[in-house]
Amino acid sequence: MPALFTASEILNSTSSHLNSGHIDNQRGRIVWDLEDLQIGDWFIAIPSHFQDPHDTLDLAVRRGAGGLIVNQRGRYASAPKGIPIINVADTKIALLDMMRYWRQCVQPIVVGVTGTSGRRSTMVVLHQLLQNHFKTHVAFMNNLGWYGCVKEVFAMPKDTQILIFEASAVERGDITRIGGALDPDLAVLTQIRHPLPSPERNDATASLYCELLETLTDRNRDRVAAVIYDDAAVKKRADQVRDDLLFQMHSQSGKSLAHRVSDQSLATFSHAMEATLGLSVSRMELWCAIEAAKALGLSKATLEEILDLNVEARGDDEYRTVNFN
């Protein structure tokens, strides 16, 4: 069941007050897309560069909204009389506050995945590795805005054990907002590259995406807190923010489970993923997913079984095959 809020829960989880109407125990989803609105939902007015839904609040009510969450104003020309209206200082901040509240209600282990490429493939492979051992929920972004995955987080069932969310950015602060609200236990950084590399651009891009590291919780300092497929700029930035948190950095040594997967097996799996989900998988995404699964408690033996790794020792050489389920 997705997140459903009463007026009291909205008021308690946000900096807000009831402008009109009355408080009852009726629960509703939090919705900001009129096309998605169902009877009894709370409509939250999120202005954009192109329109301000505060101008069409009556339309949300006609479509079945049970209440409105709006930016603080003296009056609302389009709001019908008698409808519950909750005033907040900023509806985008209120949305983050309510997402934080739902995360605290469910209390999953939270994994944030970011990077300039490979985020979604890493998330899907990680979900496949975990699905028979944990109740997992994946929250992809549906646009480039910092609140792009909020809808998917609100869809997280109450029995979820691990939440995997996608974090992307357009400008500094975007990832901090979403990460700060979800309070991740584990950060996964896939490949981070500027399309026109230079030392300055690489440093700026690394700082942008390494914001996720700054939102990591301090609860379990004896566990791996971040899995990073690093380059020089990312490693430099990660070292600045890591404090005494444990990070697992990518190695080219070939000793990881990801390096034991044959090129042919990886290509077969990647083609299957691309055909079904439109996502290819490289060894980079595979490494990130495997190391994240290990950080979440899956043993080497369990992962070898999931990956169906069979090894025949041939002196210093080994023959390895994998069959992804």
Protein backbone atom coordinates (compact mmCIF):
# COMPACT_ATOMS: atom_id res chain seq x y z
CA MET A 1 0.00 0.00 0.00
CA PRO A 2 1.42 3.45 -0.92
CA ALA A 3 1.83 6.36 1.48
CA LEU A 4 -1.51 7.76 2.64
CA PHE A 5 -1.66 10.89 4.81
CA THR A 6 -4.24 12.37 7.16
CA ALA A 7 -4.41 16.12 7.65
CA SER A 8 -2.85 15.68 11.10
CA GLU A 9 0.12 13.76 9.64
CA ILE A 10 0.70 16.47 7.04
CA LEU A 11 0.55 19.19 9.69
CA ASN A 12 2.87 17.28 12.02
CA SER A 13 5.45 16.40 9.35
CA THR A 14 5.66 19.85 7.76
CA SER A 15 5.95 23.46 8.88
CA SER A 16 2.33 24.30 8.13
CA HIS A 17 -1.05 25.31 9.45
CA LEU A 18 -4.66 24.68 8.52
CA ASN A 19 -5.99 27.64 6.53
CA SER A 20 -9.58 26.42 6.11
CA GLY A 21 -11.71 23.32 6.42
CA HIS A 22 -11.44 20.83 9.26
CA ILE A 23 -9.19 17.96 10.32
CA ASP A 24 -10.49 14.39 10.08
CA ASN A 25 -8.96 10.92 9.84
CA GLN A 26 -9.50 10.57 6.09
CA ARG A 27 -6.30 9.39 4.37
CA GLY A 28 -5.16 10.31 0.88
CA ARG A 29 -2.16 10.15 -1.41
CA ILE A 30 0.06 13.16 -2.05
CA VAL A 31 -0.36 14.11 -5.72
CA TRP A 32 0.89 17.07 -7.77
CA ASP A 33 -0.05 15.83 -11.24
CA LEU A 34 -3.70 16.53 -12.08
CA GLU A 35 -3.75 13.61 -14.51
CA ASP A 36 -2.85 11.26 -11.65
CA LEU A 37 -5.39 12.67 -9.20
CA GLN A 38 -7.95 10.30 -7.65
CA ILE A 39 -10.90 10.95 -5.34
CA GLY A 40 -9.69 11.70 -1.81
CA ASP A 41 -6.10 12.58 -2.73
CA TRP A 42 -4.27 15.59 -1.33
CA PHE A 43 -3.30 17.92 -4.18
CA ILE A 44 -0.02 19.74 -3.52
CA ALA A 45 0.55 22.79 -5.72
CA ILE A 46 4.12 22.67 -7.13
CA PRO A 47 4.82 25.72 -9.34
CA SER A 48 7.08 25.28 -12.36
CA HIS A 49 8.70 27.62 -14.88
CA PHE A 50 5.66 27.13 -17.12
CA GLN A 51 2.62 27.25 -14.84
CA ASP A 52 1.39 27.78 -11.30
CA PRO A 53 -1.26 25.27 -10.15
CA HIS A 54 -2.38 27.77 -7.49
CA ASP A 55 -4.32 29.37 -10.38
CA THR A 56 -6.38 26.20 -11.00
CA LEU A 57 -7.04 24.78 -7.53
CA ASP A 58 -10.75 24.51 -8.39
CA LEU A 59 -9.86 22.06 -11.15
CA ALA A 60 -8.09 19.79 -8.65
CA VAL A 61 -11.17 19.85 -6.42
CA ARG A 62 -13.48 19.05 -9.34
CA ARG A 63 -11.28 16.06 -10.13
CA GLY A 64 -11.75 14.71 -6.61
CA ALA A 65 -9.04 16.23 -4.40
CA GLY A 66 -10.01 15.86 -0.74
CA GLY A 67 -7.71 18.70 0.32
CA LEU A 68 -5.10 21.16 -0.90
CA ILE A 69 -1.50 21.81 0.18
CA VAL A 70 -0.47 25.26 -1.01
CA ASN A 71 2.14 27.97 -0.60
CA GLN A 72 1.33 30.56 2.05
CA ARG A 73 -0.77 33.36 0.61
CA GLY A 74 -3.33 35.80 1.92
CA ARG A 75 -6.07 34.36 -0.29
CA TYR A 76 -6.57 31.88 -3.11
CA ALA A 77 -8.76 33.10 -5.94
CA SER A 78 -9.29 29.63 -7.41
CA ALA A 79 -9.88 27.66 -4.17
CA PRO A 80 -13.50 26.58 -3.52
CA LYS A 81 -15.03 27.37 -0.15
CA GLY A 82 -14.98 24.70 2.55
CA ILE A 83 -12.20 22.53 1.13
CA PRO A 84 -9.39 21.70 3.61
CA ILE A 85 -6.42 23.92 2.77
CA ILE A 86 -3.03 23.48 4.42
CA ASN A 87 -0.59 26.38 4.09
CA VAL A 88 3.16 25.75 3.91
CA ALA A 89 6.07 28.10 3.38
CA ASP A 90 7.23 26.18 0.30
CA THR A 91 5.42 23.21 -1.25
CA LYS A 92 8.65 21.67 -2.55
CA ILE A 93 10.15 21.65 0.94
CA ALA A 94 6.89 20.28 2.33
CA LEU A 95 7.07 17.47 -0.22
CA LEU A 96 10.54 16.56 1.05
CA ASP A 97 9.32 16.74 4.65
CA MET A 98 6.48 14.31 3.91
CA MET A 99 8.82 11.97 2.06
CA ARG A 100 11.13 12.02 5.08
CA TYR A 101 8.12 11.20 7.29
CA TRP A 102 7.18 8.20 5.12
CA ARG A 103 10.78 6.96 5.16
CA GLN A 104 10.69 7.11 8.97
CA CYS A 105 7.35 5.26 9.06
CA VAL A 106 8.67 2.40 6.90
CA GLN A 107 12.24 2.44 8.30
CA PRO A 108 13.98 0.62 5.45
CA ILE A 109 17.69 0.44 4.85
CA VAL A 110 18.18 3.20 2.28
CA VAL A 111 20.58 3.00 -0.66
CA GLY A 112 21.19 6.04 -2.87
CA VAL A 113 22.63 5.56 -6.36
CA THR A 114 24.12 8.44 -8.33
CA GLY A 115 26.58 9.12 -11.15
CA THR A 116 26.64 10.49 -14.68
CA SER A 117 26.04 7.06 -16.25
CA GLY A 118 25.00 3.57 -15.23
CA ARG A 119 22.68 4.53 -12.36
CA ARG A 120 19.59 2.66 -13.46
CA SER A 121 21.43 -0.46 -14.65
CA THR A 122 23.18 -0.63 -11.28
CA MET A 123 19.86 -0.27 -9.46
CA VAL A 124 18.20 -3.03 -11.48
CA VAL A 125 21.10 -5.46 -11.05
CA LEU A 126 21.27 -4.69 -7.31
CA HIS A 127 17.54 -5.34 -7.02
CA GLN A 128 17.98 -8.69 -8.76
CA LEU A 129 20.78 -9.67 -6.40
CA LEU A 130 18.71 -8.76 -3.33
CA GLN A 131 15.18 -9.75 -4.32
CA ASN A 132 15.21 -13.28 -2.87
CA HIS A 133 16.70 -12.11 0.42
CA PHE A 134 15.05 -8.74 1.12
CA LYS A 135 11.82 -6.96 0.31
CA THR A 136 13.22 -4.22 -1.92
CA HIS A 137 11.66 -1.17 -3.53
CA VAL A 138 13.28 0.78 -6.38
CA ALA A 139 12.57 4.49 -6.83
CA PHE A 140 13.63 5.82 -10.21
CA MET A 141 13.51 9.49 -11.13
CA ASN A 142 10.83 10.42 -13.65
CA ASN A 143 12.42 13.72 -14.61
CA LEU A 144 15.59 15.71 -13.99
CA GLY A 145 14.18 17.67 -11.06
CA TRP A 146 15.56 17.00 -7.60
CA TYR A 147 12.19 15.65 -6.48
CA GLY A 148 11.91 13.30 -9.46
CA CYS A 149 11.77 10.08 -7.43
CA VAL A 150 9.42 11.35 -4.69
CA LYS A 151 6.40 9.73 -6.32
CA GLU A 152 8.16 6.37 -6.38
CA VAL A 153 9.20 6.72 -2.73
CA PHE A 154 5.58 7.42 -1.79
CA ALA A 155 4.70 4.17 -3.58
CA MET A 156 7.01 2.23 -1.23
CA PRO A 157 5.04 -0.50 0.63
CA LYS A 158 5.06 -0.48 4.42
CA ASP A 159 6.92 -3.83 4.58
CA THR A 160 9.87 -2.65 2.46
CA GLN A 161 13.24 -3.64 3.93
CA ILE A 162 15.55 -1.92 1.44
CA LEU A 163 14.80 1.24 -0.54
CA ILE A 164 17.02 1.92 -3.56
CA PHE A 165 16.63 5.46 -4.90
CA GLU A 166 18.10 7.28 -7.86
CA ALA A 167 19.71 10.68 -7.33
CA SER A 168 20.64 12.99 -10.17
CA ALA A 169 21.40 16.67 -10.39
CA VAL A 170 21.19 19.72 -12.58
CA GLU A 171 22.85 22.09 -10.13
CA ARG A 172 24.59 22.03 -6.77
CA GLY A 173 22.24 21.20 -3.92
CA ASP A 174 19.88 18.95 -5.92
CA ILE A 175 21.32 15.69 -4.58
CA THR A 176 21.69 17.07 -1.06
CA ARG A 177 17.97 17.83 -0.96
CA ILE A 178 16.82 14.36 -1.95
CA GLY A 179 19.58 12.61 0.00
CA GLY A 180 19.03 14.74 3.07
CA ALA A 181 15.35 13.80 3.11
CA LEU A 182 15.97 10.06 2.67
CA ASP A 183 19.01 9.81 4.98
CA PRO A 184 20.82 7.01 3.10
CA ASP A 185 22.68 4.23 4.87
CA LEU A 186 24.68 3.37 1.74
CA ALA A 187 25.75 5.52 -1.21
CA VAL A 188 26.65 3.99 -4.57
CA LEU A 189 28.57 6.18 -7.00
CA THR A 190 28.73 4.83 -10.54
CA GLN A 191 30.97 6.32 -13.18
CA ILE A 192 31.22 10.11 -12.91
CA ARG A 193 32.55 11.93 -15.97
CA HIS A 194 32.13 15.39 -17.46
CA PRO A 195 31.32 15.16 -21.21
CA LEU A 196 34.05 17.72 -21.94
CA PRO A 197 36.72 16.73 -19.41
CA SER A 198 39.21 19.13 -17.94
CA PRO A 199 40.67 19.27 -14.42
CA GLU A 200 38.28 22.06 -13.44
CA ARG A 201 35.19 20.43 -14.98
CA ASN A 202 36.09 17.04 -13.52
CA ASP A 203 36.43 18.53 -10.03
CA ALA A 204 33.10 20.38 -10.36
CA THR A 205 31.29 17.26 -11.59
CA ALA A 206 32.78 15.15 -8.80
CA SER A 207 31.66 17.71 -6.20
CA LEU A 208 28.15 17.75 -7.70
CA TYR A 209 27.61 14.00 -7.46
CA CYS A 210 29.64 13.41 -4.30
CA GLU A 211 27.03 15.48 -2.46
CA LEU A 212 25.36 12.11 -1.82
CA LEU A 213 28.30 11.16 0.41
CA GLU A 214 27.62 14.21 2.57
CA THR A 215 24.09 12.96 3.33
CA LEU A 216 25.21 9.57 4.66
CA THR A 217 24.01 8.61 8.11
CA ASP A 218 26.49 8.15 10.97
CA ARG A 219 24.57 5.22 12.44
CA ASN A 220 26.86 2.39 11.31
CA ARG A 221 30.41 3.63 11.06
CA ASP A 222 31.76 0.07 11.24
CA ARG A 223 30.06 -0.86 7.96
CA VAL A 224 30.79 0.10 4.37
CA ALA A 225 28.98 3.38 3.82
CA ALA A 226 29.83 4.00 0.16
CA VAL A 227 30.66 1.98 -2.93
CA ILE A 228 32.51 4.16 -5.42
CA TYR A 229 33.61 3.48 -8.98
CA ASP A 230 36.21 6.18 -8.77
CA ASP A 231 38.52 8.23 -10.89
CA ALA A 232 41.06 10.75 -9.61
CA ALA A 233 38.61 13.65 -9.16
CA VAL A 234 35.99 11.51 -7.41
CA LYS A 235 38.55 9.90 -5.13
CA LYS A 236 39.90 13.34 -4.20
CA ARG A 237 36.43 14.63 -3.33
CA ALA A 238 35.46 11.44 -1.51
CA ASP A 239 38.58 11.66 0.64
CA GLN A 240 37.56 15.19 1.65
CA VAL A 241 34.14 14.14 2.96
CA ARG A 242 34.67 10.60 4.17
CA ASP A 243 35.66 11.43 7.75
CA ASP A 244 35.98 7.96 9.36
CA LEU A 245 33.28 6.30 7.24
CA LEU A 246 34.26 3.10 5.43
CA PHE A 247 34.33 3.35 1.63
CA GLN A 248 34.79 0.56 -0.91
CA MET A 249 36.67 1.97 -3.89
CA HIS A 250 36.83 0.31 -7.29
CA SER A 251 39.97 -1.63 -8.08
CA GLN A 252 41.32 -2.84 -11.39
CA SER A 253 43.01 -5.77 -9.65
CA GLY A 254 40.55 -8.31 -11.03
CA LYS A 255 39.95 -9.87 -7.61
CA SER A 256 36.29 -8.93 -7.28
CA LEU A 257 33.37 -11.18 -8.15
CA ALA A 258 32.50 -8.82 -10.99
CA HIS A 259 35.84 -9.57 -12.63
CA ARG A 260 35.13 -13.31 -12.44
CA VAL A 261 32.20 -13.00 -14.84
CA SER A 262 33.19 -13.88 -18.40
CA ASP A 263 32.83 -11.32 -21.16
CA GLN A 264 30.46 -13.65 -23.02
CA SER A 265 28.19 -14.15 -20.00
CA LEU A 266 28.10 -10.42 -19.29
CA ALA A 267 27.28 -9.65 -22.93
CA THR A 268 24.44 -12.20 -22.92
CA PHE A 269 22.96 -10.70 -19.75
CA SER A 270 23.38 -7.16 -21.06
CA HIS A 271 21.55 -8.00 -24.30
CA ALA A 272 18.69 -9.56 -22.32
CA MET A 273 18.43 -6.48 -20.10
CA GLU A 274 18.45 -4.17 -23.10
CA ALA A 275 15.72 -6.19 -24.82
CA THR A 276 13.41 -6.22 -21.78
CA LEU A 277 14.19 -2.96 -19.97
CA GLY A 278 16.14 -0.87 -22.45
CA LEU A 279 19.18 -0.92 -20.15
CA SER A 280 22.56 -2.36 -21.00
CA VAL A 281 24.95 -3.57 -18.29
CA SER A 282 28.70 -3.10 -18.27
CA ARG A 283 31.24 -4.53 -15.86
CA MET A 284 31.21 -1.17 -14.09
CA GLU A 285 27.51 -1.46 -13.18
CA LEU A 286 27.98 -5.10 -12.25
CA TRP A 287 30.85 -4.21 -9.90
CA CYS A 288 28.82 -1.45 -8.25
CA ALA A 289 25.81 -3.73 -7.73
CA ILE A 290 27.84 -6.64 -6.35
CA GLU A 291 29.82 -4.47 -3.94
CA ALA A 292 26.61 -2.79 -2.76
CA ALA A 293 24.99 -6.19 -2.18
CA LYS A 294 28.02 -7.22 -0.12
CA ALA A 295 27.78 -4.02 1.92
CA LEU A 296 24.12 -4.85 2.59
CA GLY A 297 25.02 -8.25 4.02
CA LEU A 298 25.06 -10.79 1.20
CA SER A 299 28.01 -13.13 1.62
CA LYS A 300 30.50 -14.03 -1.07
CA ALA A 301 29.13 -17.57 -1.13
CA THR A 302 25.57 -16.31 -1.56
CA LEU A 303 26.57 -14.01 -4.39
CA GLU A 304 28.52 -16.79 -6.09
CA GLU A 305 25.39 -18.92 -5.93
CA ILE A 306 23.18 -16.14 -7.30
CA LEU A 307 25.64 -15.46 -10.11
CA ASP A 308 26.12 -19.20 -10.66
CA LEU A 309 29.89 -18.83 -10.67
CA ASN A 310 31.61 -22.16 -11.37
CA VAL A 311 35.36 -22.28 -11.17
CA GLU A 312 37.79 -24.93 -12.38
CA ALA A 313 41.29 -24.19 -11.17
CA ARG A 314 43.93 -24.43 -13.91
CA GLY A 315 47.15 -23.46 -12.15
CA ASP A 316 47.04 -19.69 -11.90
CA ASP A 317 44.27 -19.49 -14.50
CA GLU A 318 40.60 -20.06 -13.85
CA TYR A 319 37.66 -20.77 -16.11
CA ARG A 320 34.58 -18.93 -15.03
CA THR A 321 30.99 -18.90 -16.26
CA VAL A 322 27.92 -17.12 -15.02
CA ASN A 323 24.21 -17.57 -15.57
CA PHE A 324 22.08 -14.60 -14.49
CA ASN A 325 18.58 -15.50 -13.41
